[in-house]
Amino acid sequence: MALVTGASGGIGAAVCRELAAEGVAVAVGYGTNATAAEHLASELSSTGVRAVACGADLEDRAAPARLVGEVRATLGPIDILVANHGLASPSGVDEVDAEAFDRTLAINLRAPYLLAREVLGEMRTRGWGRILFMSSVAAYTGGVVGPHYAASKAGLHGLTYFLAARCARDGVTVNGVAPALIETPMLPGDASDLAARIPVGRLGRADEVADLAVAMLRNGYLTGHVVPLDGGMHPV
């Protein structure tokens, strides 16, 4: 059973569809867009898999535990966590004050950590689990969204490496995907201008991110890695 956060649209919804196609029960996590999440859960259920929509304000430090508890009570133990949610508010240094910085880190970094912390115990006890953090190429380059966003995504990389090294022998893998310029509502700028910067000549698609994510989740020998997916923009 999988919990995917930020799943009411874009990359998260695409990951849910890919997992459901593999026969995995899915909890469609959302922040504010309940209608879209419920429609997606209904769509997945119509294919014969178990699926529910579960909302949580992940800025609230107590929300990750409540969300995991709700999902566990509804669908059972969580085998797969895809922490895909995030806040991206384009801002310069002069605009990012302490409050904006703290809010972004609370949602983009603290919440993924707390979600992972909630599910790790049962994964390690069962001897199997998958955790995948959705990062960004901004963690490597600084990106264009802002210092708060880049810092939050770079923090996910450190979290990935720390957890992966300590959970591998328990059958739990921890990895990340770092997309750039994917055609979603969070795209930071004009699509045509952005596409011109990409070596493959176009923006990425949410289903391409989902395809890589699910391939990584299948693989029990891959852990402690963050894989960029950016059309060749930023080799690492």
Foldseek 3Di string as FASTA:
>chain_A
DEEFAPQLDFLNVLLVVVCLVVVDEYEREYEPCQVSSQVSQVVSVVVPHHYYYDYFNQLDLCGLLVRLVVCCVPPNAHQEYEHEDFDFAADEPVPCDPVNLSSRLSNLASSLVVNCVNRVVVCLVVLAHEYEYEAACCCVVVDGRYVSNNVNRVNLLVVQQVVQVVCLRSHYAGEYEHEDQEPDPSRDDDQQVVQVQAPVRHGHYSNVVSVVVVVQSVDSVDHSYYHYDYNPNDDD
